[in-house]
């Protein structure tokens, strides 16, 4: 009887010793992943297969700020419609890219410095630009005169709170099919034309913009 007890005790000791020799990492994710199928970078932030840091939704983010890269949104990059693929120069000599208007409704105001109708539209246009700032882009496109006269108009009519382009050659006017001054072109957030025409003293412009922003 004592022999059998001794043999049983020896077997238990051997089994315990064997279990203690296993790999300490067994059962743990060797890559240190915190979620199935995902890996982490040196900071513990999840990364995708290319090593790019991602946010909680899996959208690539800037390593410095954690925000979506500039020029895009959390749902993807901004799509620039064909109508906004143009460039120009502002009255203060800075380059302007029509792509900057993408993803928001826009009002393009085509005017000339010597035009009485344009002068009458200035106040209402400036009010729309101020009332919908950040939600709607308003841009003046000046033509049919020289830059000095255009700048004087902006100063005199107090419409300098939104950008104005110098289009002496009429390239942007032609692009949007504008054949006379004091014309508005209103675009929706997808770059589609929803209105082209003259609004005396800018009457009704605010209503047209309000329909696009809800």
C-alpha atoms as a PDB file:
ATOM      1  CA  UNK A   1       0.000   0.000   0.000  1.00  0.00           C
ATOM      2  CA  UNK A   2       2.774   2.457   0.891  1.00  0.00           C
ATOM      3  CA  UNK A   3       4.472   1.766  -2.441  1.00  0.00           C
ATOM      4  CA  UNK A   4       1.328   2.642  -4.394  1.00  0.00           C
ATOM      5  CA  UNK A   5       0.878   5.889  -2.436  1.00  0.00           C
ATOM      6  CA  UNK A   6       4.467   6.832  -3.101  1.00  0.00           C
ATOM      7  CA  UNK A   7       4.137   6.146  -6.837  1.00  0.00           C
ATOM      8  CA  UNK A   8       0.968   8.234  -7.053  1.00  0.00           C
ATOM      9  CA  UNK A   9       2.600  11.154  -5.235  1.00  0.00           C
ATOM     10  CA  UNK A  10       5.605  10.985  -7.574  1.00  0.00           C
ATOM     11  CA  UNK A  11       3.373  11.158 -10.618  1.00  0.00           C
ATOM     12  CA  UNK A  12       1.614  14.272  -9.276  1.00  0.00           C
ATOM     13  CA  UNK A  13       4.933  15.994  -8.624  1.00  0.00           C
ATOM     14  CA  UNK A  14       6.142  15.170 -12.135  1.00  0.00           C
ATOM     15  CA  UNK A  15       2.981  16.553 -13.741  1.00  0.00           C
ATOM     16  CA  UNK A  16       3.222  19.803 -11.767  1.00  0.00           C
ATOM     17  CA  UNK A  17       6.857  20.222 -12.750  1.00  0.00           C
ATOM     18  CA  UNK A  18       6.014  19.616 -16.411  1.00  0.00           C
ATOM     19  CA  UNK A  19       3.262  22.272 -16.364  1.00  0.00           C
ATOM     20  CA  UNK A  20       5.679  24.801 -14.902  1.00  0.00           C
ATOM     21  CA  UNK A  21       8.059  24.402 -17.879  1.00  0.00           C
ATOM     22  CA  UNK A  22       5.581  25.680 -20.481  1.00  0.00           C
ATOM     23  CA  UNK A  23       6.086  28.921 -22.544  1.00  0.00           C
ATOM     24  CA  UNK A  24       5.151  31.949 -20.418  1.00  0.00           C
ATOM     25  CA  UNK A  25       3.605  33.608 -23.510  1.00  0.00           C
ATOM     26  CA  UNK A  26       1.294  30.701 -24.352  1.00  0.00           C
ATOM     27  CA  UNK A  27      -2.288  31.912 -24.774  1.00  0.00           C
ATOM     28  CA  UNK A  28      -1.231  35.552 -25.283  1.00  0.00           C
ATOM     29  CA  UNK A  29      -1.123  37.343 -28.619  1.00  0.00           C
ATOM     30  CA  UNK A  30       2.584  37.283 -29.574  1.00  0.00           C
ATOM     31  CA  UNK A  31       2.163  40.602 -31.400  1.00  0.00           C
ATOM     32  CA  UNK A  32       0.709  42.310 -28.369  1.00  0.00           C
ATOM     33  CA  UNK A  33      -2.523  43.127 -30.267  1.00  0.00           C
ATOM     34  CA  UNK A  34      -5.388  44.444 -28.194  1.00  0.00           C
ATOM     35  CA  UNK A  35      -8.077  43.536 -30.725  1.00  0.00           C
ATOM     36  CA  UNK A  36      -8.365  40.606 -33.163  1.00  0.00           C
ATOM     37  CA  UNK A  37      -6.622  41.258 -36.460  1.00  0.00           C
ATOM     38  CA  UNK A  38      -5.186  44.642 -35.397  1.00  0.00           C
ATOM     39  CA  UNK A  39      -1.670  45.633 -34.436  1.00  0.00           C
ATOM     40  CA  UNK A  40      -0.358  48.613 -32.544  1.00  0.00           C
ATOM     41  CA  UNK A  41       2.478  51.045 -33.113  1.00  0.00           C
ATOM     42  CA  UNK A  42       5.095  52.154 -30.657  1.00  0.00           C
ATOM     43  CA  UNK A  43       2.587  54.440 -28.885  1.00  0.00           C
ATOM     44  CA  UNK A  44      -0.045  51.734 -28.585  1.00  0.00           C
ATOM     45  CA  UNK A  45      -2.248  53.409 -31.200  1.00  0.00           C
ATOM     46  CA  UNK A  46      -3.821  50.976 -33.696  1.00  0.00           C
ATOM     47  CA  UNK A  47      -2.319  50.890 -37.161  1.00  0.00           C
ATOM     48  CA  UNK A  48      -3.462  49.454 -40.461  1.00  0.00           C
ATOM     49  CA  UNK A  49      -1.609  46.978 -42.637  1.00  0.00           C
ATOM     50  CA  UNK A  50       0.697  49.664 -44.003  1.00  0.00           C
ATOM     51  CA  UNK A  51       1.666  50.948 -40.585  1.00  0.00           C
ATOM     52  CA  UNK A  52      -0.468  54.114 -40.893  1.00  0.00           C
ATOM     53  CA  UNK A  53      -2.000  55.232 -37.627  1.00  0.00           C
ATOM     54  CA  UNK A  54      -5.770  55.045 -37.552  1.00  0.00           C
ATOM     55  CA  UNK A  55      -8.508  56.459 -35.376  1.00  0.00           C
ATOM     56  CA  UNK A  56     -11.165  54.474 -33.581  1.00  0.00           C
ATOM     57  CA  UNK A  57     -13.154  54.118 -36.805  1.00  0.00           C
ATOM     58  CA  UNK A  58     -10.146  52.927 -38.800  1.00  0.00           C
ATOM     59  CA  UNK A  59      -9.801  56.219 -40.705  1.00  0.00           C
ATOM     60  CA  UNK A  60      -6.147  57.223 -41.296  1.00  0.00           C
ATOM     61  CA  UNK A  61      -5.135  60.114 -39.052  1.00  0.00           C
ATOM     62  CA  UNK A  62      -2.263  62.543 -38.805  1.00  0.00           C
ATOM     63  CA  UNK A  63       0.399  61.258 -36.475  1.00  0.00           C
ATOM     64  CA  UNK A  64       0.894  64.750 -35.070  1.00  0.00           C
ATOM     65  CA  UNK A  65      -2.732  65.749 -34.422  1.00  0.00           C
ATOM     66  CA  UNK A  66      -4.846  62.614 -34.604  1.00  0.00           C
ATOM     67  CA  UNK A  67      -7.186  64.433 -36.990  1.00  0.00           C
ATOM     68  CA  UNK A  68      -8.113  63.405 -40.552  1.00  0.00           C
ATOM     69  CA  UNK A  69      -5.535  64.631 -43.090  1.00  0.00           C
ATOM     70  CA  UNK A  70      -6.210  68.097 -44.499  1.00  0.00           C
ATOM     71  CA  UNK A  71      -8.296  68.151 -47.641  1.00  0.00           C
ATOM     72  CA  UNK A  72     -10.537  65.295 -46.550  1.00  0.00           C
ATOM     73  CA  UNK A  73     -13.216  64.419 -44.051  1.00  0.00           C
ATOM     74  CA  UNK A  74     -13.764  61.583 -41.611  1.00  0.00           C
ATOM     75  CA  UNK A  75     -15.796  59.828 -44.321  1.00  0.00           C
ATOM     76  CA  UNK A  76     -13.195  60.241 -47.070  1.00  0.00           C
ATOM     77  CA  UNK A  77     -11.503  62.832 -49.307  1.00  0.00           C
ATOM     78  CA  UNK A  78     -13.439  65.791 -50.688  1.00  0.00           C
ATOM     79  CA  UNK A  79     -14.542  65.231 -54.297  1.00  0.00           C
ATOM     80  CA  UNK A  80     -14.005  68.312 -56.477  1.00  0.00           C
ATOM     81  CA  UNK A  81     -16.696  68.627 -59.165  1.00  0.00           C
ATOM     82  CA  UNK A  82     -15.738  69.587 -62.706  1.00  0.00           C
ATOM     83  CA  UNK A  83     -17.362  73.005 -62.333  1.00  0.00           C
ATOM     84  CA  UNK A  84     -14.874  73.968 -59.609  1.00  0.00           C
ATOM     85  CA  UNK A  85     -11.733  72.881 -61.417  1.00  0.00           C
ATOM     86  CA  UNK A  86     -10.504  76.365 -62.219  1.00  0.00           C
ATOM     87  CA  UNK A  87      -7.896  78.749 -60.882  1.00  0.00           C
ATOM     88  CA  UNK A  88      -7.577  82.487 -60.653  1.00  0.00           C
ATOM     89  CA  UNK A  89      -5.918  85.389 -58.862  1.00  0.00           C
ATOM     90  CA  UNK A  90      -7.469  87.479 -56.117  1.00  0.00           C
ATOM     91  CA  UNK A  91      -7.429  91.273 -56.226  1.00  0.00           C
ATOM     92  CA  UNK A  92      -4.608  91.263 -53.684  1.00  0.00           C
ATOM     93  CA  UNK A  93      -2.497  89.062 -55.952  1.00  0.00           C
ATOM     94  CA  UNK A  94      -2.927  85.695 -54.245  1.00  0.00           C
ATOM     95  CA  UNK A  95      -3.550  82.460 -56.170  1.00  0.00           C
ATOM     96  CA  UNK A  96      -7.070  81.072 -55.921  1.00  0.00           C
ATOM     97  CA  UNK A  97      -8.149  77.478 -56.541  1.00  0.00           C
ATOM     98  CA  UNK A  98     -11.813  76.770 -57.261  1.00  0.00           C
ATOM     99  CA  UNK A  99     -11.377  73.427 -55.503  1.00  0.00           C
ATOM    100  CA  UNK A 100     -11.418  75.338 -52.213  1.00  0.00           C
ATOM    101  CA  UNK A 101     -15.147  75.869 -52.750  1.00  0.00           C
ATOM    102  CA  UNK A 102     -15.945  72.148 -52.859  1.00  0.00           C
ATOM    103  CA  UNK A 103     -18.367  70.458 -50.438  1.00  0.00           C
ATOM    104  CA  UNK A 104     -20.321  73.657 -49.668  1.00  0.00           C
ATOM    105  CA  UNK A 105     -22.860  75.711 -51.601  1.00  0.00           C
ATOM    106  CA  UNK A 106     -21.284  78.661 -53.392  1.00  0.00           C
ATOM    107  CA  UNK A 107     -22.319  82.020 -54.798  1.00  0.00           C
ATOM    108  CA  UNK A 108     -20.258  83.468 -57.644  1.00  0.00           C
ATOM    109  CA  UNK A 109     -21.010  87.147 -58.185  1.00  0.00           C
ATOM    110  CA  UNK A 110     -19.873  88.447 -61.573  1.00  0.00           C
ATOM    111  CA  UNK A 111     -19.497  92.222 -61.513  1.00  0.00           C
ATOM    112  CA  UNK A 112     -17.758  95.192 -63.142  1.00  0.00           C
ATOM    113  CA  UNK A 113     -16.556  98.314 -61.309  1.00  0.00           C
ATOM    114  CA  UNK A 114     -18.493 100.808 -63.459  1.00  0.00           C
ATOM    115  CA  UNK A 115     -21.797  98.874 -63.354  1.00  0.00           C
ATOM    116  CA  UNK A 116     -24.675 100.634 -61.468  1.00  0.00           C
ATOM    117  CA  UNK A 117     -26.545  97.343 -61.045  1.00  0.00           C
ATOM    118  CA  UNK A 118     -23.450  95.769 -59.455  1.00  0.00           C
ATOM    119  CA  UNK A 119     -23.163  98.657 -57.027  1.00  0.00           C
ATOM    120  CA  UNK A 120     -26.775  98.131 -56.046  1.00  0.00           C
ATOM    121  CA  UNK A 121     -26.132  94.415 -55.428  1.00  0.00           C
ATOM    122  CA  UNK A 122     -23.114  94.978 -53.197  1.00  0.00           C
ATOM    123  CA  UNK A 123     -24.890  95.435 -49.859  1.00  0.00           C
ATOM    124  CA  UNK A 124     -27.138  92.378 -50.186  1.00  0.00           C
ATOM    125  CA  UNK A 125     -24.251  90.231 -51.408  1.00  0.00           C
ATOM    126  CA  UNK A 126     -22.056  91.254 -48.479  1.00  0.00           C
ATOM    127  CA  UNK A 127     -24.900  90.477 -46.064  1.00  0.00           C
ATOM    128  CA  UNK A 128     -25.313  86.959 -47.476  1.00  0.00           C
ATOM    129  CA  UNK A 129     -21.554  86.382 -47.199  1.00  0.00           C
ATOM    130  CA  UNK A 130     -21.633  87.462 -43.563  1.00  0.00           C
ATOM    131  CA  UNK A 131     -24.863  85.676 -42.576  1.00  0.00           C
ATOM    132  CA  UNK A 132     -23.755  82.337 -44.061  1.00  0.00           C
ATOM    133  CA  UNK A 133     -20.055  82.554 -43.292  1.00  0.00           C
ATOM    134  CA  UNK A 134     -18.588  79.066 -42.832  1.00  0.00           C
ATOM    135  CA  UNK A 135     -21.607  77.406 -44.463  1.00  0.00           C
ATOM    136  CA  UNK A 136     -21.638  78.987 -47.916  1.00  0.00           C
ATOM    137  CA  UNK A 137     -18.746  80.296 -50.014  1.00  0.00           C
ATOM    138  CA  UNK A 138     -19.266  83.694 -51.646  1.00  0.00           C
ATOM    139  CA  UNK A 139     -16.762  84.860 -54.261  1.00  0.00           C
ATOM    140  CA  UNK A 140     -16.806  87.943 -56.448  1.00  0.00           C
ATOM    141  CA  UNK A 141     -15.485  87.619 -59.991  1.00  0.00           C
ATOM    142  CA  UNK A 142     -14.621  91.065 -61.349  1.00  0.00           C
ATOM    143  CA  UNK A 143     -14.146  91.751 -65.041  1.00  0.00           C
ATOM    144  CA  UNK A 144     -14.399  94.268 -67.872  1.00  0.00           C
ATOM    145  CA  UNK A 145     -11.935  96.673 -66.253  1.00  0.00           C
ATOM    146  CA  UNK A 146      -8.500  97.041 -64.677  1.00  0.00           C
ATOM    147  CA  UNK A 147      -7.462  95.728 -61.224  1.00  0.00           C
ATOM    148  CA  UNK A 148      -7.087  99.252 -59.765  1.00  0.00           C
ATOM    149  CA  UNK A 149     -10.711 100.051 -60.581  1.00  0.00           C
ATOM    150  CA  UNK A 150     -11.786  96.664 -59.191  1.00  0.00           C
ATOM    151  CA  UNK A 151      -9.997  97.290 -55.900  1.00  0.00           C
ATOM    152  CA  UNK A 152     -11.541 100.745 -55.634  1.00  0.00           C
ATOM    153  CA  UNK A 153     -15.008  99.214 -56.098  1.00  0.00           C
ATOM    154  CA  UNK A 154     -14.402  96.679 -53.295  1.00  0.00           C
ATOM    155  CA  UNK A 155     -13.280  99.442 -50.967  1.00  0.00           C
ATOM    156  CA  UNK A 156     -16.051 101.908 -51.877  1.00  0.00           C
ATOM    157  CA  UNK A 157     -18.855  99.357 -51.696  1.00  0.00           C
ATOM    158  CA  UNK A 158     -17.488  97.722 -48.518  1.00  0.00           C
ATOM    159  CA  UNK A 159     -17.475  94.178 -49.889  1.00  0.00           C
ATOM    160  CA  UNK A 160     -13.962  93.212 -48.800  1.00  0.00           C
ATOM    161  CA  UNK A 161     -15.034  90.545 -46.281  1.00  0.00           C
ATOM    162  CA  UNK A 162     -15.074  87.836 -48.972  1.00  0.00           C
ATOM    163  CA  UNK A 163     -12.620  87.112 -51.813  1.00  0.00           C
ATOM    164  CA  UNK A 164     -12.777  88.736 -55.221  1.00  0.00           C
ATOM    165  CA  UNK A 165     -11.000  87.487 -58.334  1.00  0.00           C
ATOM    166  CA  UNK A 166      -9.527  89.635 -61.085  1.00  0.00           C
ATOM    167  CA  UNK A 167     -10.766  88.157 -64.354  1.00  0.00           C
ATOM    168  CA  UNK A 168      -9.701  90.734 -66.941  1.00  0.00           C
ATOM    169  CA  UNK A 169      -9.450  88.068 -69.632  1.00  0.00           C
ATOM    170  CA  UNK A 170     -12.949  86.802 -68.866  1.00  0.00           C
ATOM    171  CA  UNK A 171     -11.841  83.161 -68.571  1.00  0.00           C
ATOM    172  CA  UNK A 172     -13.968  82.399 -65.503  1.00  0.00           C
ATOM    173  CA  UNK A 173     -16.909  84.331 -66.934  1.00  0.00           C
ATOM    174  CA  UNK A 174     -16.778  82.168 -70.066  1.00  0.00           C
ATOM    175  CA  UNK A 175     -16.396  78.991 -68.026  1.00  0.00           C
ATOM    176  CA  UNK A 176     -19.711  79.637 -66.287  1.00  0.00           C
ATOM    177  CA  UNK A 177     -21.466  80.987 -69.384  1.00  0.00           C
ATOM    178  CA  UNK A 178     -21.770  84.528 -68.043  1.00  0.00           C
ATOM    179  CA  UNK A 179     -22.255  87.126 -70.786  1.00  0.00           C
ATOM    180  CA  UNK A 180     -23.030  90.255 -68.747  1.00  0.00           C
ATOM    181  CA  UNK A 181     -22.126  91.834 -65.437  1.00  0.00           C
ATOM    182  CA  UNK A 182     -24.356  91.802 -62.322  1.00  0.00           C
ATOM    183  CA  UNK A 183     -24.933  88.066 -62.766  1.00  0.00           C
ATOM    184  CA  UNK A 184     -25.088  85.526 -59.952  1.00  0.00           C
ATOM    185  CA  UNK A 185     -24.233  81.857 -60.349  1.00  0.00           C
ATOM    186  CA  UNK A 186     -25.423  79.786 -57.385  1.00  0.00           C
ATOM    187  CA  UNK A 187     -24.030  76.267 -56.939  1.00  0.00           C
ATOM    188  CA  UNK A 188     -25.129  73.527 -54.567  1.00  0.00           C
ATOM    189  CA  UNK A 189     -22.682  71.566 -52.407  1.00  0.00           C
ATOM    190  CA  UNK A 190     -22.030  69.174 -55.317  1.00  0.00           C
ATOM    191  CA  UNK A 191     -21.102  71.969 -57.695  1.00  0.00           C
ATOM    192  CA  UNK A 192     -24.339  71.859 -59.689  1.00  0.00           C
ATOM    193  CA  UNK A 193     -25.814  75.127 -60.949  1.00  0.00           C
ATOM    194  CA  UNK A 194     -29.137  75.880 -59.296  1.00  0.00           C
ATOM    195  CA  UNK A 195     -29.460  79.487 -60.469  1.00  0.00           C
ATOM    196  CA  UNK A 196     -27.887  81.798 -63.029  1.00  0.00           C
ATOM    197  CA  UNK A 197     -29.128  85.324 -63.563  1.00  0.00           C
ATOM    198  CA  UNK A 198     -29.524  88.883 -62.386  1.00  0.00           C
ATOM    199  CA  UNK A 199     -31.157  89.718 -59.048  1.00  0.00           C
ATOM    200  CA  UNK A 200     -31.815  93.477 -58.863  1.00  0.00           C
ATOM    201  CA  UNK A 201     -30.175  94.873 -55.722  1.00  0.00           C
ATOM    202  CA  UNK A 202     -29.489  91.251 -54.715  1.00  0.00           C
ATOM    203  CA  UNK A 203     -33.148  90.702 -53.820  1.00  0.00           C
ATOM    204  CA  UNK A 204     -33.893  87.025 -53.269  1.00  0.00           C
ATOM    205  CA  UNK A 205     -30.260  85.919 -53.042  1.00  0.00           C
ATOM    206  CA  UNK A 206     -30.566  85.100 -49.351  1.00  0.00           C
ATOM    207  CA  UNK A 207     -33.647  82.961 -50.013  1.00  0.00           C
ATOM    208  CA  UNK A 208     -31.873  80.959 -52.709  1.00  0.00           C
ATOM    209  CA  UNK A 209     -28.922  80.305 -50.392  1.00  0.00           C
ATOM    210  CA  UNK A 210     -31.199  79.387 -47.476  1.00  0.00           C
ATOM    211  CA  UNK A 211     -32.736  76.601 -49.568  1.00  0.00           C
ATOM    212  CA  UNK A 212     -29.308  75.028 -49.985  1.00  0.00           C
ATOM    213  CA  UNK A 213     -28.258  75.027 -46.338  1.00  0.00           C
ATOM    214  CA  UNK A 214     -31.610  73.924 -44.879  1.00  0.00           C
END
